[in-house]
Amino acid sequence: MKNLKKKKRILRISAAQLLLLSGAIVVPPKAAAAAPDPVLEWIGVKNNTVLAAGTSPVVATRIAAMVSGSVSDAVNGIDPRYQPLHVKPNAPHYA
């Protein structure tokens, strides 16, 4: 009788270990968070500010255009691929 209890106990432990191991294999690891996108952060700041201030839609569209143009020029200043909208690049090339 003692031997049968011991075998059942070992079987239960082995089944639990197998279950844990299969769960570790099936569950994919959590992906690392993506690096924040500064452009999206600025758009978020603009959205939050416009909403919190209760800005009228007419003024909000102007603010959105100004922020979008400024962000575009800032990104283009780092990696010049497009014609600037408002700011003419004037910094030395090595800057």
N, C-alpha and C. Protein backbone atom coordinates (compact mmCIF):
# COMPACT_ATOMS: atom_id res chain seq x y z
N MET A 1 0.82 -1.20 0.00
CA MET A 1 0.00 0.00 0.00
C MET A 1 0.86 1.25 0.00
N LYS A 2 1.95 1.23 0.80
CA LYS A 2 2.86 2.36 0.87
C LYS A 2 3.49 2.63 -0.50
N ASN A 3 3.84 1.58 -1.18
CA ASN A 3 4.48 1.69 -2.48
C ASN A 3 3.52 2.31 -3.50
N LEU A 4 2.26 1.98 -3.45
CA LEU A 4 1.26 2.52 -4.36
C LEU A 4 1.06 4.02 -4.11
N LYS A 5 1.04 4.44 -2.86
CA LYS A 5 0.90 5.86 -2.52
C LYS A 5 2.11 6.65 -3.03
N LYS A 6 3.27 6.05 -2.89
CA LYS A 6 4.50 6.71 -3.33
C LYS A 6 4.49 6.89 -4.86
N LYS A 7 4.03 5.85 -5.58
CA LYS A 7 3.96 5.94 -7.04
C LYS A 7 2.95 7.00 -7.48
N LYS A 8 1.80 7.08 -6.80
CA LYS A 8 0.79 8.09 -7.13
C LYS A 8 1.33 9.49 -6.88
N ARG A 9 2.05 9.64 -5.76
CA ARG A 9 2.64 10.95 -5.43
C ARG A 9 3.65 11.37 -6.50
N ILE A 10 4.50 10.45 -6.92
CA ILE A 10 5.49 10.74 -7.95
C ILE A 10 4.80 11.08 -9.27
N LEU A 11 3.73 10.35 -9.57
CA LEU A 11 2.98 10.60 -10.79
C LEU A 11 2.34 11.99 -10.77
N ARG A 12 1.78 12.39 -9.62
CA ARG A 12 1.18 13.73 -9.50
C ARG A 12 2.24 14.82 -9.64
N ILE A 13 3.38 14.62 -9.03
CA ILE A 13 4.47 15.61 -9.12
C ILE A 13 4.95 15.70 -10.57
N SER A 14 5.10 14.58 -11.22
CA SER A 14 5.55 14.58 -12.62
C SER A 14 4.52 15.25 -13.52
N ALA A 15 3.24 15.00 -13.26
CA ALA A 15 2.18 15.63 -14.06
C ALA A 15 2.19 17.14 -13.85
N ALA A 16 2.40 17.58 -12.61
CA ALA A 16 2.45 19.02 -12.32
C ALA A 16 3.65 19.66 -13.01
N GLN A 17 4.78 18.99 -12.96
CA GLN A 17 5.96 19.51 -13.63
C GLN A 17 5.75 19.60 -15.14
N LEU A 18 5.14 18.59 -15.70
CA LEU A 18 4.86 18.60 -17.13
C LEU A 18 3.91 19.72 -17.51
N LEU A 19 2.90 19.93 -16.68
CA LEU A 19 1.95 21.00 -16.92
C LEU A 19 2.64 22.37 -16.86
N LEU A 20 3.48 22.56 -15.85
CA LEU A 20 4.21 23.83 -15.74
C LEU A 20 5.15 24.03 -16.92
N LEU A 21 5.84 22.98 -17.32
CA LEU A 21 6.77 23.07 -18.43
C LEU A 21 6.04 23.37 -19.73
N SER A 22 4.91 22.72 -19.96
CA SER A 22 4.16 22.97 -21.19
C SER A 22 3.60 24.40 -21.20
N GLY A 23 3.23 24.93 -20.04
CA GLY A 23 2.75 26.32 -19.96
C GLY A 23 3.87 27.29 -20.28
N ALA A 24 5.08 26.97 -19.86
CA ALA A 24 6.21 27.86 -20.14
C ALA A 24 6.55 27.85 -21.63
N ILE A 25 6.32 26.72 -22.27
CA ILE A 25 6.62 26.63 -23.69
C ILE A 25 5.54 27.32 -24.52
N VAL A 26 4.28 27.18 -24.12
CA VAL A 26 3.16 27.70 -24.90
C VAL A 26 3.03 29.21 -24.77
N VAL A 27 3.27 29.76 -23.59
CA VAL A 27 3.08 31.19 -23.35
C VAL A 27 4.25 31.95 -23.96
N PRO A 28 3.99 32.83 -24.93
CA PRO A 28 5.09 33.58 -25.53
C PRO A 28 5.60 34.64 -24.55
N PRO A 29 6.87 34.97 -24.64
CA PRO A 29 7.40 36.01 -23.75
C PRO A 29 6.80 37.37 -24.11
N LYS A 30 6.70 38.24 -23.13
CA LYS A 30 6.16 39.57 -23.37
C LYS A 30 7.14 40.36 -24.24
N ALA A 31 6.59 41.06 -25.21
CA ALA A 31 7.42 41.86 -26.10
C ALA A 31 7.88 43.12 -25.38
N ALA A 32 9.05 43.55 -25.70
CA ALA A 32 9.56 44.79 -25.13
C ALA A 32 8.78 45.97 -25.71
N ALA A 33 8.58 46.98 -24.91
CA ALA A 33 7.85 48.16 -25.37
C ALA A 33 8.65 48.87 -26.46
N ALA A 34 7.95 49.35 -27.44
CA ALA A 34 8.61 50.08 -28.52
C ALA A 34 9.10 51.43 -28.01
N ALA A 35 10.14 51.91 -28.62
CA ALA A 35 10.66 53.23 -28.24
C ALA A 35 9.60 54.29 -28.55
N PRO A 36 9.44 55.27 -27.69
CA PRO A 36 8.43 56.29 -27.95
C PRO A 36 8.76 57.09 -29.20
N ASP A 37 7.73 57.46 -29.93
CA ASP A 37 7.88 58.24 -31.15
C ASP A 37 7.66 59.71 -30.80
N PRO A 38 8.69 60.56 -30.90
CA PRO A 38 8.55 61.97 -30.52
C PRO A 38 7.45 62.70 -31.30
N VAL A 39 7.25 62.35 -32.56
CA VAL A 39 6.22 63.01 -33.36
C VAL A 39 4.84 62.71 -32.76
N LEU A 40 4.61 61.45 -32.43
CA LEU A 40 3.32 61.09 -31.84
C LEU A 40 3.15 61.70 -30.46
N GLU A 41 4.25 61.86 -29.72
CA GLU A 41 4.17 62.50 -28.41
C GLU A 41 3.73 63.96 -28.56
N TRP A 42 4.30 64.68 -29.53
CA TRP A 42 3.91 66.08 -29.73
C TRP A 42 2.46 66.20 -30.19
N ILE A 43 2.02 65.29 -31.05
CA ILE A 43 0.62 65.31 -31.48
C ILE A 43 -0.28 65.03 -30.29
N GLY A 44 0.13 64.13 -29.41
CA GLY A 44 -0.63 63.84 -28.20
C GLY A 44 -0.71 65.04 -27.27
N VAL A 45 0.41 65.75 -27.12
CA VAL A 45 0.42 66.96 -26.29
C VAL A 45 -0.55 67.99 -26.87
N LYS A 46 -0.51 68.16 -28.19
CA LYS A 46 -1.42 69.11 -28.85
C LYS A 46 -2.87 68.71 -28.62
N ASN A 47 -3.18 67.43 -28.81
CA ASN A 47 -4.56 66.96 -28.62
C ASN A 47 -5.03 67.18 -27.19
N ASN A 48 -4.19 66.81 -26.22
CA ASN A 48 -4.57 66.97 -24.81
C ASN A 48 -4.77 68.43 -24.46
N THR A 49 -3.92 69.31 -24.97
CA THR A 49 -4.01 70.73 -24.66
C THR A 49 -5.28 71.33 -25.27
N VAL A 50 -5.56 71.01 -26.51
CA VAL A 50 -6.76 71.54 -27.18
C VAL A 50 -8.02 71.07 -26.46
N LEU A 51 -8.05 69.79 -26.09
CA LEU A 51 -9.23 69.26 -25.41
C LEU A 51 -9.40 69.83 -24.00
N ALA A 52 -8.29 69.94 -23.27
CA ALA A 52 -8.37 70.45 -21.89
C ALA A 52 -8.79 71.91 -21.86
N ALA A 53 -8.38 72.68 -22.88
CA ALA A 53 -8.70 74.10 -22.91
C ALA A 53 -10.10 74.36 -23.46
N GLY A 54 -10.73 73.34 -24.02
CA GLY A 54 -12.06 73.55 -24.60
C GLY A 54 -12.01 74.47 -25.80
N THR A 55 -10.95 74.36 -26.58
CA THR A 55 -10.74 75.22 -27.74
C THR A 55 -11.81 74.96 -28.80
N SER A 56 -12.23 76.02 -29.45
CA SER A 56 -13.24 75.87 -30.51
C SER A 56 -12.63 75.10 -31.68
N PRO A 57 -13.44 74.39 -32.44
CA PRO A 57 -12.92 73.61 -33.57
C PRO A 57 -12.18 74.45 -34.61
N VAL A 58 -12.62 75.69 -34.82
CA VAL A 58 -11.95 76.55 -35.80
C VAL A 58 -10.52 76.86 -35.36
N VAL A 59 -10.36 77.20 -34.10
CA VAL A 59 -9.02 77.50 -33.58
C VAL A 59 -8.20 76.22 -33.47
N ALA A 60 -8.85 75.10 -33.10
CA ALA A 60 -8.13 73.83 -32.95
C ALA A 60 -7.50 73.38 -34.27
N THR A 61 -8.19 73.61 -35.37
CA THR A 61 -7.62 73.22 -36.67
C THR A 61 -6.38 74.05 -37.00
N ARG A 62 -6.41 75.31 -36.64
CA ARG A 62 -5.23 76.17 -36.86
C ARG A 62 -4.07 75.72 -35.99
N ILE A 63 -4.36 75.42 -34.74
CA ILE A 63 -3.31 74.94 -33.83
C ILE A 63 -2.73 73.62 -34.36
N ALA A 64 -3.61 72.73 -34.81
CA ALA A 64 -3.14 71.45 -35.35
C ALA A 64 -2.22 71.65 -36.55
N ALA A 65 -2.58 72.58 -37.42
CA ALA A 65 -1.75 72.86 -38.60
C ALA A 65 -0.39 73.43 -38.19
N MET A 66 -0.39 74.34 -37.22
CA MET A 66 0.87 74.95 -36.79
C MET A 66 1.78 73.94 -36.11
N VAL A 67 1.22 73.10 -35.24
CA VAL A 67 2.03 72.09 -34.55
C VAL A 67 2.54 71.07 -35.56
N SER A 68 1.69 70.61 -36.47
CA SER A 68 2.12 69.63 -37.46
C SER A 68 3.23 70.18 -38.35
N GLY A 69 3.10 71.43 -38.78
CA GLY A 69 4.15 72.05 -39.59
C GLY A 69 5.45 72.19 -38.83
N SER A 70 5.35 72.57 -37.55
CA SER A 70 6.55 72.72 -36.72
C SER A 70 7.25 71.39 -36.49
N VAL A 71 6.46 70.36 -36.21
CA VAL A 71 7.04 69.03 -35.99
C VAL A 71 7.67 68.53 -37.29
N SER A 72 7.01 68.77 -38.41
CA SER A 72 7.56 68.36 -39.70
C SER A 72 8.90 69.04 -39.97
N ASP A 73 8.97 70.34 -39.72
CA ASP A 73 10.24 71.05 -39.93
C ASP A 73 11.32 70.57 -38.96
N ALA A 74 10.93 70.25 -37.73
CA ALA A 74 11.92 69.77 -36.75
C ALA A 74 12.49 68.42 -37.18
N VAL A 75 11.61 67.52 -37.60
CA VAL A 75 12.08 66.20 -38.06
C VAL A 75 12.90 66.35 -39.33
N ASN A 76 12.46 67.20 -40.24
CA ASN A 76 13.19 67.43 -41.48
C ASN A 76 14.54 68.08 -41.23
N GLY A 77 14.66 68.84 -40.13
CA GLY A 77 15.95 69.43 -39.78
C GLY A 77 16.95 68.38 -39.34
N ILE A 78 16.46 67.27 -38.78
CA ILE A 78 17.34 66.19 -38.35
C ILE A 78 17.70 65.30 -39.53
N ASP A 79 16.72 64.98 -40.34
CA ASP A 79 16.92 64.10 -41.49
C ASP A 79 16.28 64.77 -42.71
N PRO A 80 17.02 65.69 -43.37
CA PRO A 80 16.43 66.48 -44.45
C PRO A 80 16.10 65.64 -45.68
N ARG A 81 14.81 65.35 -45.84
CA ARG A 81 14.36 64.61 -47.02
C ARG A 81 13.32 65.39 -47.81
N TYR A 82 12.72 66.41 -47.20
CA TYR A 82 11.62 67.14 -47.82
C TYR A 82 11.90 68.63 -47.80
N GLN A 83 11.16 69.36 -48.59
CA GLN A 83 11.29 70.82 -48.60
C GLN A 83 10.70 71.35 -47.29
N PRO A 84 11.43 72.24 -46.60
CA PRO A 84 10.93 72.78 -45.33
C PRO A 84 9.67 73.60 -45.55
N LEU A 85 8.78 73.61 -44.54
CA LEU A 85 7.54 74.37 -44.63
C LEU A 85 7.71 75.81 -44.16
N HIS A 86 8.29 75.97 -42.96
CA HIS A 86 8.38 77.31 -42.36
C HIS A 86 9.82 77.77 -42.13
N VAL A 87 10.68 76.84 -41.74
CA VAL A 87 12.03 77.21 -41.32
C VAL A 87 13.03 76.76 -42.37
N LYS A 88 13.80 77.71 -42.87
CA LYS A 88 14.86 77.38 -43.81
C LYS A 88 16.07 76.87 -43.03
N PRO A 89 16.58 75.69 -43.36
CA PRO A 89 17.74 75.17 -42.63
C PRO A 89 18.94 76.11 -42.81
N ASN A 90 19.58 76.42 -41.72
CA ASN A 90 20.63 77.41 -41.74
C ASN A 90 21.83 76.97 -40.90
N ALA A 91 21.73 75.82 -40.26
CA ALA A 91 22.79 75.35 -39.37
C ALA A 91 23.95 74.81 -40.21
N PRO A 92 25.16 74.86 -39.66
CA PRO A 92 26.29 74.26 -40.36
C PRO A 92 26.06 72.76 -40.56
N HIS A 93 26.61 72.21 -41.61
CA HIS A 93 26.37 70.82 -41.96
C HIS A 93 26.83 69.85 -40.85
N TYR A 94 27.90 70.21 -40.13
CA TYR A 94 28.44 69.34 -39.11
C TYR A 94 27.67 69.42 -37.78
N ALA A 95 26.71 70.31 -37.68
CA ALA A 95 26.00 70.50 -36.41
C ALA A 95 25.08 69.35 -36.10
